[in-house]
């Protein structure tokens, strides 16, 4: 199956190609010989259900699915997991999480992106909740963006408390799988960085999964120590497939936690990977061909045999690229298990 050129604007691949992938993504694919419910499950989904290129008429959603409620209900009928990225940009609210619980089946789960400020990335002051904004010093209030290091410790505690309490409906419904903590490319391997990861888990007091954006964590000097750190602390690792350019994280596959493993597919659009001034959909605009997905199938299966639940999340959410590839990857794993 030939790869779709990421510069080709034609998104009309979803109907037939997506349907040919079958129904494997609707329920977790079982791997290995786990007897207990929830054992050796692999769930497939995407990193968004709301991107404008995805919600355009005729792309993924059926005619008439125009509201947030209708779209999530439809998505949850096609897949068993979704990643929420909106929480990276703005702290969630309890009513939001309650609506997610109400609109999805009992066995559906969410992976939630940690807020930017938790992992050393900047956040817009205007998007912080009003009670937190009002407690900022005059100098910080005037800034457009602030970093974790700028915030007083008590206000940082409030950010974590707000985040945790907002997600309580998901926790109570057993629909929160993990919070994805994604550390930016300027967070390099160091004692300070490792302490930040452990502190983030402690402050969140929720299950987390760790993704790195700097390839230095797995270079010749640091790889062994990185793996040991993740395994010793039972931190689920987010294995990534991404364009292999200078500084990229290599496609390292390791099992570090008995309960959860995550694979995240960012596409291989090298030209747009570091490009400024484009939308996330354009950055991740890449449709995997079947051979590329098939290369990952045995790797996913191997990790899944050692893990209670494994998630394969497609972040190539331009148009229906992510949904098509998630369905295809689920079908390939199901066929391998048949």
C-alpha atoms as a PDB file:
ATOM      1  CA  UNK A   1       0.000   0.000   0.000  1.00  0.00           C
ATOM      2  CA  UNK A   2       1.607   3.244  -1.076  1.00  0.00           C
ATOM      3  CA  UNK A   3       2.107   6.075   1.353  1.00  0.00           C
ATOM      4  CA  UNK A   4       0.026   9.188   0.823  1.00  0.00           C
ATOM      5  CA  UNK A   5       2.249  12.163   0.091  1.00  0.00           C
ATOM      6  CA  UNK A   6       1.941  14.557   3.057  1.00  0.00           C
ATOM      7  CA  UNK A   7       1.786  17.430   0.547  1.00  0.00           C
ATOM      8  CA  UNK A   8      -1.178  15.918  -1.288  1.00  0.00           C
ATOM      9  CA  UNK A   9      -4.255  17.822  -0.106  1.00  0.00           C
ATOM     10  CA  UNK A  10      -6.720  15.074  -0.995  1.00  0.00           C
ATOM     11  CA  UNK A  11      -8.085  13.597   2.250  1.00  0.00           C
ATOM     12  CA  UNK A  12     -10.602  11.320   0.582  1.00  0.00           C
ATOM     13  CA  UNK A  13      -8.936   8.195   1.884  1.00  0.00           C
ATOM     14  CA  UNK A  14     -11.088   7.614   4.916  1.00  0.00           C
ATOM     15  CA  UNK A  15     -14.227   6.105   3.496  1.00  0.00           C
ATOM     16  CA  UNK A  16     -12.949   3.051   1.683  1.00  0.00           C
ATOM     17  CA  UNK A  17      -9.544   2.634   3.242  1.00  0.00           C
ATOM     18  CA  UNK A  18     -10.891   3.277   6.738  1.00  0.00           C
ATOM     19  CA  UNK A  19     -13.774   0.858   6.282  1.00  0.00           C
ATOM     20  CA  UNK A  20     -11.487  -1.862   4.937  1.00  0.00           C
ATOM     21  CA  UNK A  21      -9.653  -1.814   8.264  1.00  0.00           C
ATOM     22  CA  UNK A  22     -12.705  -3.444   9.809  1.00  0.00           C
ATOM     23  CA  UNK A  23     -14.049  -3.213  13.355  1.00  0.00           C
ATOM     24  CA  UNK A  24     -10.929  -4.251  15.264  1.00  0.00           C
ATOM     25  CA  UNK A  25     -10.473  -0.802  16.849  1.00  0.00           C
ATOM     26  CA  UNK A  26     -13.903  -0.769  18.490  1.00  0.00           C
ATOM     27  CA  UNK A  27     -12.838  -3.167  21.240  1.00  0.00           C
ATOM     28  CA  UNK A  28      -9.413  -3.829  22.743  1.00  0.00           C
ATOM     29  CA  UNK A  29      -7.373  -6.440  20.862  1.00  0.00           C
ATOM     30  CA  UNK A  30      -6.296  -9.288  23.137  1.00  0.00           C
ATOM     31  CA  UNK A  31      -2.651 -10.336  23.000  1.00  0.00           C
ATOM     32  CA  UNK A  32      -1.055 -13.364  24.598  1.00  0.00           C
ATOM     33  CA  UNK A  33      -2.944 -15.674  26.911  1.00  0.00           C
ATOM     34  CA  UNK A  34      -4.259 -13.409  29.662  1.00  0.00           C
ATOM     35  CA  UNK A  35      -7.349 -14.951  31.259  1.00  0.00           C
ATOM     36  CA  UNK A  36      -8.453 -12.114  33.515  1.00  0.00           C
ATOM     37  CA  UNK A  37     -10.638  -9.328  32.187  1.00  0.00           C
ATOM     38  CA  UNK A  38      -8.497  -6.397  31.119  1.00  0.00           C
ATOM     39  CA  UNK A  39      -5.364  -8.505  30.785  1.00  0.00           C
ATOM     40  CA  UNK A  40      -3.084  -8.108  27.756  1.00  0.00           C
ATOM     41  CA  UNK A  41      -5.365  -5.543  26.086  1.00  0.00           C
ATOM     42  CA  UNK A  42      -4.289  -3.250  23.281  1.00  0.00           C
ATOM     43  CA  UNK A  43      -6.462  -0.208  22.668  1.00  0.00           C
ATOM     44  CA  UNK A  44      -6.226   1.903  19.519  1.00  0.00           C
ATOM     45  CA  UNK A  45      -7.303   5.515  19.168  1.00  0.00           C
ATOM     46  CA  UNK A  46      -6.292   9.035  18.220  1.00  0.00           C
ATOM     47  CA  UNK A  47      -4.923  12.101  19.975  1.00  0.00           C
ATOM     48  CA  UNK A  48      -7.970  14.177  19.110  1.00  0.00           C
ATOM     49  CA  UNK A  49     -11.600  13.894  18.160  1.00  0.00           C
ATOM     50  CA  UNK A  50     -12.148  17.621  17.559  1.00  0.00           C
ATOM     51  CA  UNK A  51      -9.492  18.886  15.135  1.00  0.00           C
ATOM     52  CA  UNK A  52     -11.160  21.122  12.513  1.00  0.00           C
ATOM     53  CA  UNK A  53      -9.680  19.058   9.678  1.00  0.00           C
ATOM     54  CA  UNK A  54     -11.234  15.973  11.261  1.00  0.00           C
ATOM     55  CA  UNK A  55     -14.673  17.450  11.919  1.00  0.00           C
ATOM     56  CA  UNK A  56     -15.082  18.841   8.402  1.00  0.00           C
ATOM     57  CA  UNK A  57     -18.154  17.374   6.630  1.00  0.00           C
ATOM     58  CA  UNK A  58     -17.626  13.928   5.142  1.00  0.00           C
ATOM     59  CA  UNK A  59     -14.171  13.360   6.611  1.00  0.00           C
ATOM     60  CA  UNK A  60     -14.761  11.114   9.637  1.00  0.00           C
ATOM     61  CA  UNK A  61     -18.049  11.963  11.295  1.00  0.00           C
ATOM     62  CA  UNK A  62     -21.403  11.043   9.749  1.00  0.00           C
ATOM     63  CA  UNK A  63     -23.728  13.700   8.453  1.00  0.00           C
ATOM     64  CA  UNK A  64     -25.573  15.329  11.312  1.00  0.00           C
ATOM     65  CA  UNK A  65     -22.881  14.763  13.957  1.00  0.00           C
ATOM     66  CA  UNK A  66     -22.232  18.451  14.500  1.00  0.00           C
ATOM     67  CA  UNK A  67     -22.216  18.881  18.290  1.00  0.00           C
ATOM     68  CA  UNK A  68     -19.501  18.001  20.776  1.00  0.00           C
ATOM     69  CA  UNK A  69     -21.792  15.413  22.343  1.00  0.00           C
ATOM     70  CA  UNK A  70     -22.648  13.695  19.044  1.00  0.00           C
ATOM     71  CA  UNK A  71     -19.029  13.592  17.927  1.00  0.00           C
ATOM     72  CA  UNK A  72     -17.668  12.053  21.115  1.00  0.00           C
ATOM     73  CA  UNK A  73     -20.465   9.482  21.182  1.00  0.00           C
ATOM     74  CA  UNK A  74     -19.708   8.527  17.587  1.00  0.00           C
ATOM     75  CA  UNK A  75     -15.947   8.398  18.171  1.00  0.00           C
ATOM     76  CA  UNK A  76     -16.425   6.208  21.264  1.00  0.00           C
ATOM     77  CA  UNK A  77     -18.437   3.807  19.128  1.00  0.00           C
ATOM     78  CA  UNK A  78     -15.447   3.413  16.803  1.00  0.00           C
ATOM     79  CA  UNK A  79     -12.525   3.291  19.255  1.00  0.00           C
ATOM     80  CA  UNK A  80     -11.872   2.301  22.872  1.00  0.00           C
ATOM     81  CA  UNK A  81      -9.467   5.098  23.910  1.00  0.00           C
ATOM     82  CA  UNK A  82      -8.828   8.733  23.121  1.00  0.00           C
ATOM     83  CA  UNK A  83      -6.149  11.198  24.120  1.00  0.00           C
ATOM     84  CA  UNK A  84      -7.233  14.643  25.308  1.00  0.00           C
ATOM     85  CA  UNK A  85      -4.791  17.366  24.267  1.00  0.00           C
ATOM     86  CA  UNK A  86      -6.922  20.387  25.236  1.00  0.00           C
ATOM     87  CA  UNK A  87      -5.778  19.996  28.848  1.00  0.00           C
ATOM     88  CA  UNK A  88      -2.242  20.874  27.756  1.00  0.00           C
ATOM     89  CA  UNK A  89      -3.373  24.383  26.811  1.00  0.00           C
ATOM     90  CA  UNK A  90      -5.954  25.066  29.517  1.00  0.00           C
ATOM     91  CA  UNK A  91      -6.729  23.433  32.835  1.00  0.00           C
ATOM     92  CA  UNK A  92      -9.816  21.212  32.680  1.00  0.00           C
ATOM     93  CA  UNK A  93     -13.049  21.747  34.582  1.00  0.00           C
ATOM     94  CA  UNK A  94     -15.080  19.145  36.448  1.00  0.00           C
ATOM     95  CA  UNK A  95     -18.188  19.600  34.298  1.00  0.00           C
ATOM     96  CA  UNK A  96     -16.077  18.875  31.213  1.00  0.00           C
ATOM     97  CA  UNK A  97     -14.915  15.543  32.656  1.00  0.00           C
ATOM     98  CA  UNK A  98     -18.476  14.719  33.738  1.00  0.00           C
ATOM     99  CA  UNK A  99     -19.681  15.188  30.168  1.00  0.00           C
ATOM    100  CA  UNK A 100     -16.956  12.854  28.878  1.00  0.00           C
ATOM    101  CA  UNK A 101     -18.114  10.182  31.308  1.00  0.00           C
ATOM    102  CA  UNK A 102     -21.750  10.622  30.285  1.00  0.00           C
ATOM    103  CA  UNK A 103     -21.045  10.438  26.549  1.00  0.00           C
ATOM    104  CA  UNK A 104     -18.870   7.306  26.439  1.00  0.00           C
ATOM    105  CA  UNK A 105     -19.441   3.572  27.110  1.00  0.00           C
ATOM    106  CA  UNK A 106     -18.454   2.080  30.454  1.00  0.00           C
ATOM    107  CA  UNK A 107     -15.357   0.388  29.030  1.00  0.00           C
ATOM    108  CA  UNK A 108     -14.026   3.485  27.236  1.00  0.00           C
ATOM    109  CA  UNK A 109     -10.903   5.203  28.658  1.00  0.00           C
ATOM    110  CA  UNK A 110      -9.174   8.572  28.372  1.00  0.00           C
ATOM    111  CA  UNK A 111      -5.507   9.515  28.304  1.00  0.00           C
ATOM    112  CA  UNK A 112      -5.160  13.118  29.446  1.00  0.00           C
ATOM    113  CA  UNK A 113      -2.305  15.416  28.453  1.00  0.00           C
ATOM    114  CA  UNK A 114      -0.696  17.181  31.423  1.00  0.00           C
ATOM    115  CA  UNK A 115      -0.940  20.945  31.445  1.00  0.00           C
ATOM    116  CA  UNK A 116       2.057  22.668  29.854  1.00  0.00           C
ATOM    117  CA  UNK A 117       3.240  24.355  33.027  1.00  0.00           C
ATOM    118  CA  UNK A 118       3.629  20.996  34.791  1.00  0.00           C
ATOM    119  CA  UNK A 119       6.412  19.828  32.477  1.00  0.00           C
ATOM    120  CA  UNK A 120       8.463  22.996  32.080  1.00  0.00           C
ATOM    121  CA  UNK A 121       6.664  24.429  29.080  1.00  0.00           C
ATOM    122  CA  UNK A 122       5.101  27.906  28.944  1.00  0.00           C
ATOM    123  CA  UNK A 123       1.423  28.644  29.409  1.00  0.00           C
ATOM    124  CA  UNK A 124      -0.596  31.713  28.489  1.00  0.00           C
ATOM    125  CA  UNK A 125      -1.503  33.677  31.593  1.00  0.00           C
ATOM    126  CA  UNK A 126      -4.902  34.539  30.119  1.00  0.00           C
ATOM    127  CA  UNK A 127      -5.833  30.840  29.995  1.00  0.00           C
ATOM    128  CA  UNK A 128      -5.202  30.147  33.666  1.00  0.00           C
ATOM    129  CA  UNK A 129      -8.311  29.986  35.888  1.00  0.00           C
ATOM    130  CA  UNK A 130      -9.266  33.379  37.265  1.00  0.00           C
ATOM    131  CA  UNK A 131      -8.575  32.532  40.954  1.00  0.00           C
ATOM    132  CA  UNK A 132      -5.013  31.515  40.045  1.00  0.00           C
ATOM    133  CA  UNK A 133      -4.466  34.554  37.805  1.00  0.00           C
ATOM    134  CA  UNK A 134      -5.597  36.882  40.567  1.00  0.00           C
ATOM    135  CA  UNK A 135      -2.995  35.468  42.946  1.00  0.00           C
ATOM    136  CA  UNK A 136      -0.104  36.142  40.567  1.00  0.00           C
ATOM    137  CA  UNK A 137       2.179  39.054  41.348  1.00  0.00           C
ATOM    138  CA  UNK A 138       1.709  42.221  39.317  1.00  0.00           C
ATOM    139  CA  UNK A 139       4.821  41.462  37.254  1.00  0.00           C
ATOM    140  CA  UNK A 140       3.630  37.966  36.352  1.00  0.00           C
ATOM    141  CA  UNK A 141       0.118  39.189  35.540  1.00  0.00           C
ATOM    142  CA  UNK A 142       1.589  41.472  32.895  1.00  0.00           C
ATOM    143  CA  UNK A 143       3.417  38.665  31.113  1.00  0.00           C
ATOM    144  CA  UNK A 144       1.812  36.968  28.131  1.00  0.00           C
ATOM    145  CA  UNK A 145       3.307  33.576  29.029  1.00  0.00           C
ATOM    146  CA  UNK A 146       4.864  32.176  32.177  1.00  0.00           C
ATOM    147  CA  UNK A 147       6.851  29.049  33.043  1.00  0.00           C
ATOM    148  CA  UNK A 148       6.714  26.641  35.927  1.00  0.00           C
ATOM    149  CA  UNK A 149       9.794  28.224  37.469  1.00  0.00           C
ATOM    150  CA  UNK A 150       7.991  31.600  37.558  1.00  0.00           C
ATOM    151  CA  UNK A 151       5.120  30.438  39.757  1.00  0.00           C
ATOM    152  CA  UNK A 152       5.205  30.562  43.552  1.00  0.00           C
ATOM    153  CA  UNK A 153       5.128  27.091  45.010  1.00  0.00           C
ATOM    154  CA  UNK A 154       1.679  27.501  46.589  1.00  0.00           C
ATOM    155  CA  UNK A 155       0.167  28.560  43.252  1.00  0.00           C
ATOM    156  CA  UNK A 156       1.807  25.631  41.510  1.00  0.00           C
ATOM    157  CA  UNK A 157       0.200  23.383  44.111  1.00  0.00           C
ATOM    158  CA  UNK A 158      -3.125  25.002  43.232  1.00  0.00           C
ATOM    159  CA  UNK A 159      -2.615  24.190  39.526  1.00  0.00           C
ATOM    160  CA  UNK A 160      -2.117  20.511  40.375  1.00  0.00           C
ATOM    161  CA  UNK A 161      -5.065  20.489  42.779  1.00  0.00           C
ATOM    162  CA  UNK A 162      -7.362  22.062  40.199  1.00  0.00           C
ATOM    163  CA  UNK A 163      -6.236  19.592  37.530  1.00  0.00           C
ATOM    164  CA  UNK A 164      -6.652  16.576  39.802  1.00  0.00           C
ATOM    165  CA  UNK A 165     -10.065  17.580  41.121  1.00  0.00           C
ATOM    166  CA  UNK A 166     -11.370  18.381  37.638  1.00  0.00           C
ATOM    167  CA  UNK A 167     -10.532  14.839  36.515  1.00  0.00           C
ATOM    168  CA  UNK A 168     -12.159  13.191  39.534  1.00  0.00           C
ATOM    169  CA  UNK A 169     -15.300  12.174  37.561  1.00  0.00           C
ATOM    170  CA  UNK A 170     -13.069  10.161  35.195  1.00  0.00           C
ATOM    171  CA  UNK A 171     -11.237   8.565  38.121  1.00  0.00           C
ATOM    172  CA  UNK A 172     -14.511   7.712  39.847  1.00  0.00           C
ATOM    173  CA  UNK A 173     -15.897   6.145  36.654  1.00  0.00           C
ATOM    174  CA  UNK A 174     -12.648   4.200  36.111  1.00  0.00           C
ATOM    175  CA  UNK A 175     -12.219   5.961  32.764  1.00  0.00           C
ATOM    176  CA  UNK A 176      -8.911   7.732  33.438  1.00  0.00           C
ATOM    177  CA  UNK A 177      -6.049   5.617  32.173  1.00  0.00           C
ATOM    178  CA  UNK A 178      -3.111   7.991  32.612  1.00  0.00           C
ATOM    179  CA  UNK A 179      -1.920  11.566  32.454  1.00  0.00           C
ATOM    180  CA  UNK A 180       0.658  11.990  29.692  1.00  0.00           C
ATOM    181  CA  UNK A 181       3.570  14.109  30.901  1.00  0.00           C
ATOM    182  CA  UNK A 182       5.497  15.233  27.848  1.00  0.00           C
ATOM    183  CA  UNK A 183       8.838  16.859  28.599  1.00  0.00           C
ATOM    184  CA  UNK A 184      10.064  19.348  25.973  1.00  0.00           C
ATOM    185  CA  UNK A 185      13.267  19.121  23.976  1.00  0.00           C
ATOM    186  CA  UNK A 186      15.088  21.462  26.363  1.00  0.00           C
ATOM    187  CA  UNK A 187      14.580  19.058  29.284  1.00  0.00           C
ATOM    188  CA  UNK A 188      17.768  17.010  29.094  1.00  0.00           C
ATOM    189  CA  UNK A 189      18.781  13.987  31.210  1.00  0.00           C
ATOM    190  CA  UNK A 190      19.951  15.188  34.626  1.00  0.00           C
ATOM    191  CA  UNK A 191      19.286  14.590  38.284  1.00  0.00           C
ATOM    192  CA  UNK A 192      17.138  17.727  38.282  1.00  0.00           C
ATOM    193  CA  UNK A 193      15.040  16.462  35.352  1.00  0.00           C
ATOM    194  CA  UNK A 194      14.550  13.043  36.931  1.00  0.00           C
ATOM    195  CA  UNK A 195      13.480  14.720  40.169  1.00  0.00           C
ATOM    196  CA  UNK A 196      11.003  16.836  38.181  1.00  0.00           C
ATOM    197  CA  UNK A 197       9.425  13.694  36.721  1.00  0.00           C
ATOM    198  CA  UNK A 198       9.011  12.092  40.133  1.00  0.00           C
ATOM    199  CA  UNK A 199       7.752  15.343  41.639  1.00  0.00           C
ATOM    200  CA  UNK A 200       5.184  15.652  38.843  1.00  0.00           C
ATOM    201  CA  UNK A 201       3.845  12.186  39.611  1.00  0.00           C
ATOM    202  CA  UNK A 202       3.726  12.919  43.335  1.00  0.00           C
ATOM    203  CA  UNK A 203       1.985  16.280  42.939  1.00  0.00           C
ATOM    204  CA  UNK A 204      -0.546  14.962  40.439  1.00  0.00           C
ATOM    205  CA  UNK A 205      -1.295  11.893  42.553  1.00  0.00           C
ATOM    206  CA  UNK A 206      -2.639  10.250  39.390  1.00  0.00           C
ATOM    207  CA  UNK A 207      -1.216   7.542  37.091  1.00  0.00           C
ATOM    208  CA  UNK A 208       1.193   9.066  34.580  1.00  0.00           C
ATOM    209  CA  UNK A 209       3.047   8.019  31.422  1.00  0.00           C
ATOM    210  CA  UNK A 210       6.286   9.733  30.408  1.00  0.00           C
ATOM    211  CA  UNK A 211       7.218  11.007  26.948  1.00  0.00           C
ATOM    212  CA  UNK A 212      10.473  12.723  26.060  1.00  0.00           C
ATOM    213  CA  UNK A 213      11.007  15.182  23.219  1.00  0.00           C
ATOM    214  CA  UNK A 214      14.814  15.252  23.462  1.00  0.00           C
ATOM    215  CA  UNK A 215      16.693  12.365  21.882  1.00  0.00           C
ATOM    216  CA  UNK A 216      19.499  12.818  24.422  1.00  0.00           C
ATOM    217  CA  UNK A 217      17.583  10.627  26.870  1.00  0.00           C
ATOM    218  CA  UNK A 218      18.436   7.673  24.631  1.00  0.00           C
ATOM    219  CA  UNK A 219      21.848   8.553  23.265  1.00  0.00           C
ATOM    220  CA  UNK A 220      24.826   6.295  23.918  1.00  0.00           C
ATOM    221  CA  UNK A 221      25.690   8.093  27.137  1.00  0.00           C
ATOM    222  CA  UNK A 222      22.247   8.191  28.733  1.00  0.00           C
ATOM    223  CA  UNK A 223      20.121   5.350  27.337  1.00  0.00           C
ATOM    224  CA  UNK A 224      20.944   2.727  29.956  1.00  0.00           C
ATOM    225  CA  UNK A 225      20.390   5.118  32.842  1.00  0.00           C
ATOM    226  CA  UNK A 226      17.113   6.366  31.350  1.00  0.00           C
ATOM    227  CA  UNK A 227      15.739   2.846  31.019  1.00  0.00           C
ATOM    228  CA  UNK A 228      16.843   1.947  34.537  1.00  0.00           C
ATOM    229  CA  UNK A 229      15.240   5.116  35.940  1.00  0.00           C
ATOM    230  CA  UNK A 230      11.905   4.374  34.251  1.00  0.00           C
ATOM    231  CA  UNK A 231      11.913   0.710  35.265  1.00  0.00           C
ATOM    232  CA  UNK A 232      13.049   1.295  38.850  1.00  0.00           C
ATOM    233  CA  UNK A 233      10.285   3.846  39.348  1.00  0.00           C
ATOM    234  CA  UNK A 234       7.701   1.825  37.379  1.00  0.00           C
ATOM    235  CA  UNK A 235       6.997   4.781  35.110  1.00  0.00           C
ATOM    236  CA  UNK A 236       5.103   3.828  31.937  1.00  0.00           C
ATOM    237  CA  UNK A 237       7.117   4.961  28.927  1.00  0.00           C
ATOM    238  CA  UNK A 238       5.545   6.490  25.828  1.00  0.00           C
ATOM    239  CA  UNK A 239       7.376   4.965  22.846  1.00  0.00           C
ATOM    240  CA  UNK A 240       7.235   7.309  19.859  1.00  0.00           C
ATOM    241  CA  UNK A 241       7.366   7.085  16.109  1.00  0.00           C
ATOM    242  CA  UNK A 242       8.365  10.485  14.773  1.00  0.00           C
ATOM    243  CA  UNK A 243      10.496  12.041  12.009  1.00  0.00           C
ATOM    244  CA  UNK A 244      14.123  11.145  12.573  1.00  0.00           C
ATOM    245  CA  UNK A 245      15.803  14.529  12.299  1.00  0.00           C
ATOM    246  CA  UNK A 246      18.497  16.093  14.470  1.00  0.00           C
ATOM    247  CA  UNK A 247      17.540  15.747  18.134  1.00  0.00           C
ATOM    248  CA  UNK A 248      14.608  13.369  17.561  1.00  0.00           C
ATOM    249  CA  UNK A 249      13.721  10.630  20.027  1.00  0.00           C
ATOM    250  CA  UNK A 250      14.564   7.245  18.487  1.00  0.00           C
ATOM    251  CA  UNK A 251      11.831   4.559  18.283  1.00  0.00           C
ATOM    252  CA  UNK A 252      12.898   2.849  21.511  1.00  0.00           C
ATOM    253  CA  UNK A 253      10.509   0.128  22.725  1.00  0.00           C
ATOM    254  CA  UNK A 254      10.784  -0.846  26.383  1.00  0.00           C
ATOM    255  CA  UNK A 255       8.413  -2.318  28.945  1.00  0.00           C
ATOM    256  CA  UNK A 256       8.685  -0.324  32.179  1.00  0.00           C
ATOM    257  CA  UNK A 257       5.377  -0.858  33.985  1.00  0.00           C
ATOM    258  CA  UNK A 258       3.156  -3.907  34.446  1.00  0.00           C
ATOM    259  CA  UNK A 259      -0.093  -1.951  34.122  1.00  0.00           C
ATOM    260  CA  UNK A 260       0.370   0.385  31.156  1.00  0.00           C
ATOM    261  CA  UNK A 261       2.469   0.883  28.043  1.00  0.00           C
ATOM    262  CA  UNK A 262       1.905   3.549  25.405  1.00  0.00           C
ATOM    263  CA  UNK A 263       2.862   3.914  21.747  1.00  0.00           C
ATOM    264  CA  UNK A 264       2.366   7.339  20.197  1.00  0.00           C
ATOM    265  CA  UNK A 265       2.518   7.833  16.446  1.00  0.00           C
ATOM    266  CA  UNK A 266       3.399  11.364  15.375  1.00  0.00           C
ATOM    267  CA  UNK A 267       3.814  10.652  11.660  1.00  0.00           C
ATOM    268  CA  UNK A 268       6.998  11.137   9.646  1.00  0.00           C
ATOM    269  CA  UNK A 269       6.503  14.548   8.123  1.00  0.00           C
ATOM    270  CA  UNK A 270      10.131  15.638   8.526  1.00  0.00           C
ATOM    271  CA  UNK A 271       9.684  18.858   6.562  1.00  0.00           C
ATOM    272  CA  UNK A 272       7.065  20.203   8.981  1.00  0.00           C
ATOM    273  CA  UNK A 273       8.373  18.694  12.224  1.00  0.00           C
ATOM    274  CA  UNK A 274      10.198  21.833  13.393  1.00  0.00           C
ATOM    275  CA  UNK A 275       8.373  24.328  11.177  1.00  0.00           C
ATOM    276  CA  UNK A 276       7.077  27.466  12.859  1.00  0.00           C
ATOM    277  CA  UNK A 277       3.721  29.117  12.358  1.00  0.00           C
ATOM    278  CA  UNK A 278       1.726  26.059  11.290  1.00  0.00           C
ATOM    279  CA  UNK A 279      -1.135  24.226  12.974  1.00  0.00           C
ATOM    280  CA  UNK A 280      -0.575  20.934  14.832  1.00  0.00           C
ATOM    281  CA  UNK A 281      -2.620  19.199  12.129  1.00  0.00           C
ATOM    282  CA  UNK A 282      -0.135  20.363   9.482  1.00  0.00           C
ATOM    283  CA  UNK A 283       2.845  19.347  11.607  1.00  0.00           C
ATOM    284  CA  UNK A 284       1.494  15.825  12.050  1.00  0.00           C
ATOM    285  CA  UNK A 285       0.057  15.532   8.553  1.00  0.00           C
ATOM    286  CA  UNK A 286       1.223  12.098   7.508  1.00  0.00           C
ATOM    287  CA  UNK A 287      -0.605   8.922   6.541  1.00  0.00           C
ATOM    288  CA  UNK A 288       1.303   5.740   7.396  1.00  0.00           C
ATOM    289  CA  UNK A 289       1.274   3.022   4.789  1.00  0.00           C
ATOM    290  CA  UNK A 290       0.513  -0.550   5.783  1.00  0.00           C
ATOM    291  CA  UNK A 291       4.155  -1.674   5.710  1.00  0.00           C
ATOM    292  CA  UNK A 292       5.120   1.089   8.127  1.00  0.00           C
ATOM    293  CA  UNK A 293       2.350   0.081  10.511  1.00  0.00           C
ATOM    294  CA  UNK A 294       3.193  -3.602  10.149  1.00  0.00           C
ATOM    295  CA  UNK A 295       6.755  -2.905  11.322  1.00  0.00           C
ATOM    296  CA  UNK A 296       5.280  -1.843  14.671  1.00  0.00           C
ATOM    297  CA  UNK A 297       2.815  -4.716  15.065  1.00  0.00           C
ATOM    298  CA  UNK A 298       5.220  -7.269  16.616  1.00  0.00           C
ATOM    299  CA  UNK A 299       6.726  -4.581  18.856  1.00  0.00           C
ATOM    300  CA  UNK A 300       3.303  -3.660  20.215  1.00  0.00           C
ATOM    301  CA  UNK A 301       2.450  -7.335  20.697  1.00  0.00           C
ATOM    302  CA  UNK A 302       5.684  -8.072  22.572  1.00  0.00           C
ATOM    303  CA  UNK A 303       5.147  -5.245  25.054  1.00  0.00           C
ATOM    304  CA  UNK A 304       1.446  -6.052  25.412  1.00  0.00           C
ATOM    305  CA  UNK A 305       2.179  -9.616  26.481  1.00  0.00           C
ATOM    306  CA  UNK A 306       3.958  -8.197  29.536  1.00  0.00           C
ATOM    307  CA  UNK A 307       1.495  -5.402  30.298  1.00  0.00           C
ATOM    308  CA  UNK A 308      -2.096  -5.285  31.501  1.00  0.00           C
ATOM    309  CA  UNK A 309      -3.069  -2.571  29.021  1.00  0.00           C
ATOM    310  CA  UNK A 310      -1.293  -1.050  26.018  1.00  0.00           C
ATOM    311  CA  UNK A 311      -2.396   2.035  24.111  1.00  0.00           C
ATOM    312  CA  UNK A 312      -1.527   2.859  20.503  1.00  0.00           C
ATOM    313  CA  UNK A 313      -2.380   6.517  19.983  1.00  0.00           C
ATOM    314  CA  UNK A 314      -2.231   8.135  16.553  1.00  0.00           C
ATOM    315  CA  UNK A 315      -1.315  11.796  16.740  1.00  0.00           C
ATOM    316  CA  UNK A 316      -1.358  12.258  12.943  1.00  0.00           C
ATOM    317  CA  UNK A 317      -4.760  13.896  13.309  1.00  0.00           C
ATOM    318  CA  UNK A 318      -4.887  15.703   9.990  1.00  0.00           C
ATOM    319  CA  UNK A 319      -8.236  14.928   8.367  1.00  0.00           C
ATOM    320  CA  UNK A 320      -8.965  11.201   8.852  1.00  0.00           C
ATOM    321  CA  UNK A 321      -5.334  10.091   8.718  1.00  0.00           C
ATOM    322  CA  UNK A 322      -5.203   9.208  12.424  1.00  0.00           C
ATOM    323  CA  UNK A 323      -8.528   7.368  12.492  1.00  0.00           C
ATOM    324  CA  UNK A 324      -7.663   5.450   9.325  1.00  0.00           C
ATOM    325  CA  UNK A 325      -4.260   4.395  10.660  1.00  0.00           C
ATOM    326  CA  UNK A 326      -5.656   3.473  14.085  1.00  0.00           C
ATOM    327  CA  UNK A 327      -8.164   1.161  12.436  1.00  0.00           C
ATOM    328  CA  UNK A 328      -5.523  -0.358  10.178  1.00  0.00           C
ATOM    329  CA  UNK A 329      -3.072  -0.909  13.042  1.00  0.00           C
ATOM    330  CA  UNK A 330      -5.810  -2.618  15.082  1.00  0.00           C
ATOM    331  CA  UNK A 331      -6.660  -4.872  12.146  1.00  0.00           C
ATOM    332  CA  UNK A 332      -3.003  -5.837  11.636  1.00  0.00           C
ATOM    333  CA  UNK A 333      -2.618  -6.817  15.296  1.00  0.00           C
ATOM    334  CA  UNK A 334      -5.913  -8.718  15.297  1.00  0.00           C
ATOM    335  CA  UNK A 335      -4.833 -10.641  12.190  1.00  0.00           C
ATOM    336  CA  UNK A 336      -1.507 -11.480  13.813  1.00  0.00           C
ATOM    337  CA  UNK A 337      -3.352 -12.893  16.847  1.00  0.00           C
ATOM    338  CA  UNK A 338      -5.840 -14.902  14.748  1.00  0.00           C
END
